[in-house]
Amino acid sequence: LGLNEEFLRYSILICFLIVISIVDYYTMYIYD
């Protein structure tokens, strides 16, 4: 993508998804 708005959105999305996935893996719970 290069350094643009889409890169920023997807990078932050991946960051959130990794946090959610790790928490879900260890606790079987997703925080609202």
PDB file of all heavy atoms in Angstrom:
ATOM      1  N   LEU A   1       0.784  -1.234   0.000  1.00  0.00           N
ATOM      2  CA  LEU A   1       0.000   0.000   0.000  1.00  0.00           C
ATOM      3  C   LEU A   1       0.815   1.284   0.000  1.00  0.00           C
ATOM      4  O   LEU A   1       0.317   2.330  -0.395  1.00  0.00           O
ATOM      5  CB  LEU A   1      -0.929   0.019   1.225  1.00  0.00           C
ATOM      6  CG  LEU A   1      -1.881  -1.166   1.372  1.00  0.00           C
ATOM      7  CD1 LEU A   1      -2.546  -1.136   2.730  1.00  0.00           C
ATOM      8  CD2 LEU A   1      -2.912  -1.153   0.265  1.00  0.00           C
ATOM      9  N   GLY A   2       2.057   1.243   0.484  1.00  0.00           N
ATOM     10  CA  GLY A   2       2.814   2.469   0.714  1.00  0.00           C
ATOM     11  C   GLY A   2       2.357   3.112   2.011  1.00  0.00           C
ATOM     12  O   GLY A   2       1.515   2.575   2.729  1.00  0.00           O
ATOM     13  N   LEU A   3       2.911   4.255   2.327  1.00  0.00           N
ATOM     14  CA  LEU A   3       2.510   4.969   3.540  1.00  0.00           C
ATOM     15  C   LEU A   3       1.328   5.871   3.218  1.00  0.00           C
ATOM     16  O   LEU A   3       1.484   6.976   2.723  1.00  0.00           O
ATOM     17  CB  LEU A   3       3.672   5.815   4.089  1.00  0.00           C
ATOM     18  CG  LEU A   3       4.705   5.094   4.935  1.00  0.00           C
ATOM     19  CD1 LEU A   3       5.855   6.005   5.287  1.00  0.00           C
ATOM     20  CD2 LEU A   3       4.086   4.514   6.190  1.00  0.00           C
ATOM     21  N   ASN A   4       0.140   5.371   3.463  1.00  0.00           N
ATOM     22  CA  ASN A   4      -1.063   6.145   3.180  1.00  0.00           C
ATOM     23  C   ASN A   4      -2.137   5.852   4.228  1.00  0.00           C
ATOM     24  O   ASN A   4      -1.885   5.159   5.211  1.00  0.00           O
ATOM     25  CB  ASN A   4      -1.574   5.857   1.760  1.00  0.00           C
ATOM     26  CG  ASN A   4      -1.895   4.380   1.558  1.00  0.00           C
ATOM     27  OD1 ASN A   4      -2.068   3.622   2.507  1.00  0.00           O
ATOM     28  ND2 ASN A   4      -1.966   3.974   0.302  1.00  0.00           N
ATOM     29  N   GLU A   5      -3.324   6.365   3.982  1.00  0.00           N
ATOM     30  CA  GLU A   5      -4.432   6.216   4.932  1.00  0.00           C
ATOM     31  C   GLU A   5      -4.825   4.751   5.104  1.00  0.00           C
ATOM     32  O   GLU A   5      -5.112   4.291   6.208  1.00  0.00           O
ATOM     33  CB  GLU A   5      -5.615   7.052   4.426  1.00  0.00           C
ATOM     34  CG  GLU A   5      -6.922   6.821   5.119  1.00  0.00           C
ATOM     35  CD  GLU A   5      -7.850   5.890   4.340  1.00  0.00           C
ATOM     36  OE1 GLU A   5      -7.682   5.748   3.118  1.00  0.00           O
ATOM     37  OE2 GLU A   5      -8.728   5.303   4.988  1.00  0.00           O
ATOM     38  N   GLU A   6      -4.813   3.998   4.017  1.00  0.00           N
ATOM     39  CA  GLU A   6      -5.180   2.584   4.093  1.00  0.00           C
ATOM     40  C   GLU A   6      -4.153   1.798   4.915  1.00  0.00           C
ATOM     41  O   GLU A   6      -4.518   0.930   5.710  1.00  0.00           O
ATOM     42  CB  GLU A   6      -5.276   2.008   2.670  1.00  0.00           C
ATOM     43  CG  GLU A   6      -6.316   0.949   2.525  1.00  0.00           C
ATOM     44  CD  GLU A   6      -6.514   0.524   1.072  1.00  0.00           C
ATOM     45  OE1 GLU A   6      -5.706   0.872   0.197  1.00  0.00           O
ATOM     46  OE2 GLU A   6      -7.500  -0.184   0.846  1.00  0.00           O
ATOM     47  N   PHE A   7      -2.891   2.112   4.729  1.00  0.00           N
ATOM     48  CA  PHE A   7      -1.834   1.487   5.528  1.00  0.00           C
ATOM     49  C   PHE A   7      -2.059   1.754   7.014  1.00  0.00           C
ATOM     50  O   PHE A   7      -1.960   0.843   7.841  1.00  0.00           O
ATOM     51  CB  PHE A   7      -0.464   2.025   5.098  1.00  0.00           C
ATOM     52  CG  PHE A   7       0.668   1.614   5.994  1.00  0.00           C
ATOM     53  CD1 PHE A   7       1.287   0.380   5.835  1.00  0.00           C
ATOM     54  CD2 PHE A   7       1.108   2.456   7.010  1.00  0.00           C
ATOM     55  CE1 PHE A   7       2.331  -0.004   6.673  1.00  0.00           C
ATOM     56  CE2 PHE A   7       2.142   2.072   7.850  1.00  0.00           C
ATOM     57  CZ  PHE A   7       2.756   0.846   7.680  1.00  0.00           C
ATOM     58  N   LEU A   8      -2.393   2.988   7.349  1.00  0.00           N
ATOM     59  CA  LEU A   8      -2.634   3.351   8.751  1.00  0.00           C
ATOM     60  C   LEU A   8      -3.838   2.596   9.310  1.00  0.00           C
ATOM     61  O   LEU A   8      -3.758   2.012  10.403  1.00  0.00           O
ATOM     62  CB  LEU A   8      -2.862   4.869   8.861  1.00  0.00           C
ATOM     63  CG  LEU A   8      -3.174   5.412  10.251  1.00  0.00           C
ATOM     64  CD1 LEU A   8      -1.996   5.195  11.186  1.00  0.00           C
ATOM     65  CD2 LEU A   8      -3.532   6.883  10.167  1.00  0.00           C
ATOM     66  N   ARG A   9      -4.947   2.569   8.576  1.00  0.00           N
ATOM     67  CA  ARG A   9      -6.150   1.873   9.044  1.00  0.00           C
ATOM     68  C   ARG A   9      -5.898   0.389   9.252  1.00  0.00           C
ATOM     69  O   ARG A   9      -6.252  -0.180  10.278  1.00  0.00           O
ATOM     70  CB  ARG A   9      -7.302   2.053   8.049  1.00  0.00           C
ATOM     71  CG  ARG A   9      -8.086   3.314   8.238  1.00  0.00           C
ATOM     72  CD  ARG A   9      -9.381   3.343   7.443  1.00  0.00           C
ATOM     73  NE  ARG A   9      -9.179   3.273   6.001  1.00  0.00           N
ATOM     74  CZ  ARG A   9      -9.506   2.225   5.253  1.00  0.00           C
ATOM     75  NH1 ARG A   9     -10.051   1.165   5.787  1.00  0.00           N
ATOM     76  NH2 ARG A   9      -9.300   2.254   3.961  1.00  0.00           N
ATOM     77  N   TYR A  10      -5.263  -0.251   8.259  1.00  0.00           N
ATOM     78  CA  TYR A  10      -5.028  -1.685   8.356  1.00  0.00           C
ATOM     79  C   TYR A  10      -4.021  -2.024   9.456  1.00  0.00           C
ATOM     80  O   TYR A  10      -4.176  -3.031  10.141  1.00  0.00           O
ATOM     81  CB  TYR A  10      -4.561  -2.251   7.016  1.00  0.00           C
ATOM     82  CG  TYR A  10      -5.625  -2.283   5.946  1.00  0.00           C
ATOM     83  CD1 TYR A  10      -5.286  -2.437   4.611  1.00  0.00           C
ATOM     84  CD2 TYR A  10      -6.978  -2.167   6.256  1.00  0.00           C
ATOM     85  CE1 TYR A  10      -6.258  -2.491   3.616  1.00  0.00           C
ATOM     86  CE2 TYR A  10      -7.950  -2.200   5.272  1.00  0.00           C
ATOM     87  CZ  TYR A  10      -7.579  -2.363   3.953  1.00  0.00           C
ATOM     88  OH  TYR A  10      -8.549  -2.406   2.986  1.00  0.00           O
ATOM     89  N   SER A  11      -3.002  -1.202   9.623  1.00  0.00           N
ATOM     90  CA  SER A  11      -2.011  -1.444  10.683  1.00  0.00           C
ATOM     91  C   SER A  11      -2.669  -1.392  12.054  1.00  0.00           C
ATOM     92  O   SER A  11      -2.435  -2.266  12.904  1.00  0.00           O
ATOM     93  CB  SER A  11      -0.882  -0.413  10.626  1.00  0.00           C
ATOM     94  OG  SER A  11      -0.186  -0.500   9.426  1.00  0.00           O
ATOM     95  N   ILE A  12      -3.501  -0.396  12.267  1.00  0.00           N
ATOM     96  CA  ILE A  12      -4.183  -0.267  13.560  1.00  0.00           C
ATOM     97  C   ILE A  12      -5.199  -1.390  13.736  1.00  0.00           C
ATOM     98  O   ILE A  12      -5.330  -1.949  14.834  1.00  0.00           O
ATOM     99  CB  ILE A  12      -4.829   1.128  13.681  1.00  0.00           C
ATOM    100  CG1 ILE A  12      -3.719   2.181  13.796  1.00  0.00           C
ATOM    101  CG2 ILE A  12      -5.762   1.207  14.882  1.00  0.00           C
ATOM    102  CD1 ILE A  12      -4.179   3.609  13.741  1.00  0.00           C
ATOM    103  N   LEU A  13      -5.900  -1.755  12.661  1.00  0.00           N
ATOM    104  CA  LEU A  13      -6.840  -2.875  12.741  1.00  0.00           C
ATOM    105  C   LEU A  13      -6.122  -4.159  13.153  1.00  0.00           C
ATOM    106  O   LEU A  13      -6.585  -4.882  14.044  1.00  0.00           O
ATOM    107  CB  LEU A  13      -7.538  -3.089  11.395  1.00  0.00           C
ATOM    108  CG  LEU A  13      -8.438  -4.331  11.308  1.00  0.00           C
ATOM    109  CD1 LEU A  13      -9.628  -4.200  12.242  1.00  0.00           C
ATOM    110  CD2 LEU A  13      -8.877  -4.573   9.873  1.00  0.00           C
ATOM    111  N   ILE A  14      -4.995  -4.435  12.532  1.00  0.00           N
ATOM    112  CA  ILE A  14      -4.228  -5.645  12.854  1.00  0.00           C
ATOM    113  C   ILE A  14      -3.776  -5.622  14.305  1.00  0.00           C
ATOM    114  O   ILE A  14      -3.825  -6.645  14.996  1.00  0.00           O
ATOM    115  CB  ILE A  14      -3.047  -5.802  11.869  1.00  0.00           C
ATOM    116  CG1 ILE A  14      -3.595  -6.170  10.476  1.00  0.00           C
ATOM    117  CG2 ILE A  14      -2.055  -6.844  12.361  1.00  0.00           C
ATOM    118  CD1 ILE A  14      -2.603  -6.039   9.361  1.00  0.00           C
ATOM    119  N   CYS A  15      -3.365  -4.459  14.780  1.00  0.00           N
ATOM    120  CA  CYS A  15      -2.961  -4.299  16.182  1.00  0.00           C
ATOM    121  C   CYS A  15      -4.120  -4.673  17.106  1.00  0.00           C
ATOM    122  O   CYS A  15      -3.954  -5.469  18.047  1.00  0.00           O
ATOM    123  CB  CYS A  15      -2.519  -2.860  16.407  1.00  0.00           C
ATOM    124  SG  CYS A  15      -1.570  -2.595  17.884  1.00  0.00           S
ATOM    125  N   PHE A  16      -5.305  -4.134  16.850  1.00  0.00           N
ATOM    126  CA  PHE A  16      -6.482  -4.456  17.654  1.00  0.00           C
ATOM    127  C   PHE A  16      -6.821  -5.945  17.566  1.00  0.00           C
ATOM    128  O   PHE A  16      -7.123  -6.580  18.569  1.00  0.00           O
ATOM    129  CB  PHE A  16      -7.695  -3.622  17.208  1.00  0.00           C
ATOM    130  CG  PHE A  16      -7.805  -2.300  17.891  1.00  0.00           C
ATOM    131  CD1 PHE A  16      -7.334  -1.147  17.292  1.00  0.00           C
ATOM    132  CD2 PHE A  16      -8.392  -2.194  19.149  1.00  0.00           C
ATOM    133  CE1 PHE A  16      -7.436   0.083  17.922  1.00  0.00           C
ATOM    134  CE2 PHE A  16      -8.509  -0.973  19.781  1.00  0.00           C
ATOM    135  CZ  PHE A  16      -8.025   0.168  19.175  1.00  0.00           C
ATOM    136  N   LEU A  17      -6.786  -6.490  16.351  1.00  0.00           N
ATOM    137  CA  LEU A  17      -7.157  -7.892  16.167  1.00  0.00           C
ATOM    138  C   LEU A  17      -6.197  -8.848  16.866  1.00  0.00           C
ATOM    139  O   LEU A  17      -6.621  -9.892  17.381  1.00  0.00           O
ATOM    140  CB  LEU A  17      -7.237  -8.230  14.676  1.00  0.00           C
ATOM    141  CG  LEU A  17      -8.412  -7.645  13.914  1.00  0.00           C
ATOM    142  CD1 LEU A  17      -8.338  -8.030  12.441  1.00  0.00           C
ATOM    143  CD2 LEU A  17      -9.734  -8.088  14.507  1.00  0.00           C
ATOM    144  N   ILE A  18      -4.929  -8.504  16.893  1.00  0.00           N
ATOM    145  CA  ILE A  18      -3.965  -9.363  17.591  1.00  0.00           C
ATOM    146  C   ILE A  18      -4.222  -9.338  19.090  1.00  0.00           C
ATOM    147  O   ILE A  18      -4.209 -10.389  19.745  1.00  0.00           O
ATOM    148  CB  ILE A  18      -2.519  -8.958  17.236  1.00  0.00           C
ATOM    149  CG1 ILE A  18      -2.225  -9.340  15.780  1.00  0.00           C
ATOM    150  CG2 ILE A  18      -1.518  -9.625  18.180  1.00  0.00           C
ATOM    151  CD1 ILE A  18      -0.896  -8.872  15.256  1.00  0.00           C
ATOM    152  N   VAL A  19      -4.492  -8.159  19.642  1.00  0.00           N
ATOM    153  CA  VAL A  19      -4.832  -8.071  21.074  1.00  0.00           C
ATOM    154  C   VAL A  19      -6.080  -8.902  21.361  1.00  0.00           C
ATOM    155  O   VAL A  19      -6.103  -9.724  22.288  1.00  0.00           O
ATOM    156  CB  VAL A  19      -5.050  -6.602  21.513  1.00  0.00           C
ATOM    157  CG1 VAL A  19      -5.637  -6.536  22.914  1.00  0.00           C
ATOM    158  CG2 VAL A  19      -3.748  -5.824  21.452  1.00  0.00           C
ATOM    159  N   ILE A  20      -7.123  -8.719  20.557  1.00  0.00           N
ATOM    160  CA  ILE A  20      -8.380  -9.451  20.748  1.00  0.00           C
ATOM    161  C   ILE A  20      -8.141 -10.957  20.628  1.00  0.00           C
ATOM    162  O   ILE A  20      -8.659 -11.742  21.430  1.00  0.00           O
ATOM    163  CB  ILE A  20      -9.435  -8.972  19.734  1.00  0.00           C
ATOM    164  CG1 ILE A  20      -9.861  -7.538  20.050  1.00  0.00           C
ATOM    165  CG2 ILE A  20     -10.649  -9.900  19.719  1.00  0.00           C
ATOM    166  CD1 ILE A  20     -10.644  -6.858  18.938  1.00  0.00           C
ATOM    167  N   SER A  21      -7.338 -11.368  19.649  1.00  0.00           N
ATOM    168  CA  SER A  21      -7.088 -12.791  19.425  1.00  0.00           C
ATOM    169  C   SER A  21      -6.318 -13.427  20.577  1.00  0.00           C
ATOM    170  O   SER A  21      -6.635 -14.544  21.001  1.00  0.00           O
ATOM    171  CB  SER A  21      -6.318 -12.994  18.120  1.00  0.00           C
ATOM    172  OG  SER A  21      -7.090 -12.565  17.029  1.00  0.00           O
ATOM    173  N   ILE A  22      -5.318 -12.728  21.085  1.00  0.00           N
ATOM    174  CA  ILE A  22      -4.540 -13.266  22.201  1.00  0.00           C
ATOM    175  C   ILE A  22      -5.421 -13.409  23.436  1.00  0.00           C
ATOM    176  O   ILE A  22      -5.403 -14.441  24.116  1.00  0.00           O
ATOM    177  CB  ILE A  22      -3.306 -12.377  22.490  1.00  0.00           C
ATOM    178  CG1 ILE A  22      -2.288 -12.498  21.350  1.00  0.00           C
ATOM    179  CG2 ILE A  22      -2.655 -12.766  23.823  1.00  0.00           C
ATOM    180  CD1 ILE A  22      -1.151 -11.491  21.423  1.00  0.00           C
ATOM    181  N   VAL A  23      -6.202 -12.372  23.719  1.00  0.00           N
ATOM    182  CA  VAL A  23      -7.091 -12.423  24.889  1.00  0.00           C
ATOM    183  C   VAL A  23      -8.123 -13.540  24.715  1.00  0.00           C
ATOM    184  O   VAL A  23      -8.381 -14.313  25.646  1.00  0.00           O
ATOM    185  CB  VAL A  23      -7.779 -11.053  25.115  1.00  0.00           C
ATOM    186  CG1 VAL A  23      -8.835 -11.152  26.203  1.00  0.00           C
ATOM    187  CG2 VAL A  23      -6.746 -10.001  25.478  1.00  0.00           C
ATOM    188  N   ASP A  24      -8.689 -13.659  23.515  1.00  0.00           N
ATOM    189  CA  ASP A  24      -9.673 -14.714  23.250  1.00  0.00           C
ATOM    190  C   ASP A  24      -9.039 -16.097  23.388  1.00  0.00           C
ATOM    191  O   ASP A  24      -9.638 -17.020  23.942  1.00  0.00           O
ATOM    192  CB  ASP A  24     -10.265 -14.527  21.850  1.00  0.00           C
ATOM    193  CG  ASP A  24     -11.453 -15.438  21.576  1.00  0.00           C
ATOM    194  OD1 ASP A  24     -12.168 -15.778  22.544  1.00  0.00           O
ATOM    195  OD2 ASP A  24     -11.673 -15.787  20.406  1.00  0.00           O
ATOM    196  N   TYR A  25      -7.824 -16.261  22.911  1.00  0.00           N
ATOM    197  CA  TYR A  25      -7.129 -17.550  22.978  1.00  0.00           C
ATOM    198  C   TYR A  25      -6.910 -17.983  24.431  1.00  0.00           C
ATOM    199  O   TYR A  25      -7.103 -19.141  24.777  1.00  0.00           O
ATOM    200  CB  TYR A  25      -5.793 -17.454  22.242  1.00  0.00           C
ATOM    201  CG  TYR A  25      -5.005 -18.739  22.261  1.00  0.00           C
ATOM    202  CD1 TYR A  25      -5.318 -19.777  21.379  1.00  0.00           C
ATOM    203  CD2 TYR A  25      -3.956 -18.927  23.153  1.00  0.00           C
ATOM    204  CE1 TYR A  25      -4.608 -20.959  21.397  1.00  0.00           C
ATOM    205  CE2 TYR A  25      -3.242 -20.110  23.176  1.00  0.00           C
ATOM    206  CZ  TYR A  25      -3.567 -21.123  22.298  1.00  0.00           C
ATOM    207  OH  TYR A  25      -2.863 -22.300  22.327  1.00  0.00           O
ATOM    208  N   TYR A  26      -6.504 -17.037  25.277  1.00  0.00           N
ATOM    209  CA  TYR A  26      -6.187 -17.376  26.661  1.00  0.00           C
ATOM    210  C   TYR A  26      -7.407 -17.393  27.577  1.00  0.00           C
ATOM    211  O   TYR A  26      -7.414 -18.121  28.567  1.00  0.00           O
ATOM    212  CB  TYR A  26      -5.144 -16.405  27.225  1.00  0.00           C
ATOM    213  CG  TYR A  26      -3.731 -16.752  26.805  1.00  0.00           C
ATOM    214  CD1 TYR A  26      -3.118 -16.086  25.755  1.00  0.00           C
ATOM    215  CD2 TYR A  26      -3.022 -17.745  27.454  1.00  0.00           C
ATOM    216  CE1 TYR A  26      -1.833 -16.407  25.365  1.00  0.00           C
ATOM    217  CE2 TYR A  26      -1.733 -18.070  27.067  1.00  0.00           C
ATOM    218  CZ  TYR A  26      -1.145 -17.397  26.017  1.00  0.00           C
ATOM    219  OH  TYR A  26       0.124 -17.727  25.625  1.00  0.00           O
ATOM    220  N   THR A  27      -8.426 -16.580  27.282  1.00  0.00           N
ATOM    221  CA  THR A  27      -9.546 -16.446  28.224  1.00  0.00           C
ATOM    222  C   THR A  27     -10.893 -16.886  27.643  1.00  0.00           C
ATOM    223  O   THR A  27     -11.862 -16.977  28.389  1.00  0.00           O
ATOM    224  CB  THR A  27      -9.693 -14.982  28.686  1.00  0.00           C
ATOM    225  OG1 THR A  27     -10.079 -14.170  27.568  1.00  0.00           O
ATOM    226  CG2 THR A  27      -8.413 -14.453  29.296  1.00  0.00           C
ATOM    227  N   MET A  28     -10.965 -17.102  26.313  1.00  0.00           N
ATOM    228  CA  MET A  28     -12.230 -17.386  25.622  1.00  0.00           C
ATOM    229  C   MET A  28     -13.234 -16.251  25.853  1.00  0.00           C
ATOM    230  O   MET A  28     -14.443 -16.479  25.956  1.00  0.00           O
ATOM    231  CB  MET A  28     -12.826 -18.723  26.092  1.00  0.00           C
ATOM    232  CG  MET A  28     -11.996 -19.935  25.746  1.00  0.00           C
ATOM    233  SD  MET A  28     -11.929 -20.311  23.995  1.00  0.00           S
ATOM    234  CE  MET A  28     -13.570 -20.883  23.718  1.00  0.00           C
ATOM    235  N   TYR A  29     -12.720 -15.022  25.937  1.00  0.00           N
ATOM    236  CA  TYR A  29     -13.584 -13.865  26.166  1.00  0.00           C
ATOM    237  C   TYR A  29     -13.107 -12.704  25.296  1.00  0.00           C
ATOM    238  O   TYR A  29     -11.900 -12.530  25.094  1.00  0.00           O
ATOM    239  CB  TYR A  29     -13.548 -13.461  27.653  1.00  0.00           C
ATOM    240  CG  TYR A  29     -14.574 -12.428  28.006  1.00  0.00           C
ATOM    241  CD1 TYR A  29     -15.898 -12.768  28.190  1.00  0.00           C
ATOM    242  CD2 TYR A  29     -14.211 -11.090  28.136  1.00  0.00           C
ATOM    243  CE1 TYR A  29     -16.858 -11.809  28.500  1.00  0.00           C
ATOM    244  CE2 TYR A  29     -15.150 -10.128  28.448  1.00  0.00           C
ATOM    245  CZ  TYR A  29     -16.467 -10.498  28.629  1.00  0.00           C
ATOM    246  OH  TYR A  29     -17.406  -9.544  28.930  1.00  0.00           O
ATOM    247  N   ILE A  30     -14.058 -11.921  24.791  1.00  0.00           N
ATOM    248  CA  ILE A  30     -13.737 -10.738  23.996  1.00  0.00           C
ATOM    249  C   ILE A  30     -14.318  -9.531  24.714  1.00  0.00           C
ATOM    250  O   ILE A  30     -15.525  -9.475  24.958  1.00  0.00           O
ATOM    251  CB  ILE A  30     -14.296 -10.860  22.566  1.00  0.00           C
ATOM    252  CG1 ILE A  30     -13.597 -12.016  21.835  1.00  0.00           C
ATOM    253  CG2 ILE A  30     -14.131  -9.561  21.798  1.00  0.00           C
ATOM    254  CD1 ILE A  30     -14.194 -12.370  20.499  1.00  0.00           C
ATOM    255  N   TYR A  31     -13.472  -8.577  25.049  1.00  0.00           N
ATOM    256  CA  TYR A  31     -13.906  -7.389  25.776  1.00  0.00           C
ATOM    257  C   TYR A  31     -14.548  -6.386  24.820  1.00  0.00           C
ATOM    258  O   TYR A  31     -13.977  -6.049  23.780  1.00  0.00           O
ATOM    259  CB  TYR A  31     -12.722  -6.737  26.495  1.00  0.00           C
ATOM    260  CG  TYR A  31     -12.199  -7.558  27.643  1.00  0.00           C
ATOM    261  CD1 TYR A  31     -11.127  -8.432  27.463  1.00  0.00           C
ATOM    262  CD2 TYR A  31     -12.780  -7.470  28.899  1.00  0.00           C
ATOM    263  CE1 TYR A  31     -10.652  -9.199  28.511  1.00  0.00           C
ATOM    264  CE2 TYR A  31     -12.307  -8.227  29.966  1.00  0.00           C
ATOM    265  CZ  TYR A  31     -11.247  -9.089  29.759  1.00  0.00           C
ATOM    266  OH  TYR A  31     -10.780  -9.853  30.801  1.00  0.00           O
ATOM    267  N   ASP A  32     -15.724  -5.896  25.197  1.00  0.00           N
ATOM    268  CA  ASP A  32     -16.434  -4.915  24.367  1.00  0.00           C
ATOM    269  C   ASP A  32     -15.628  -3.639  24.188  1.00  0.00           C
ATOM    270  O   ASP A  32     -15.700  -3.003  23.141  1.00  0.00           O
ATOM    271  CB  ASP A  32     -17.794  -4.575  24.988  1.00  0.00           C
ATOM    272  CG  ASP A  32     -18.764  -5.741  24.936  1.00  0.00           C
ATOM    273  OD1 ASP A  32     -18.577  -6.629  24.072  1.00  0.00           O
ATOM    274  OD2 ASP A  32     -19.698  -5.780  25.755  1.00  0.00           O
TER     275      ASP A  32
END
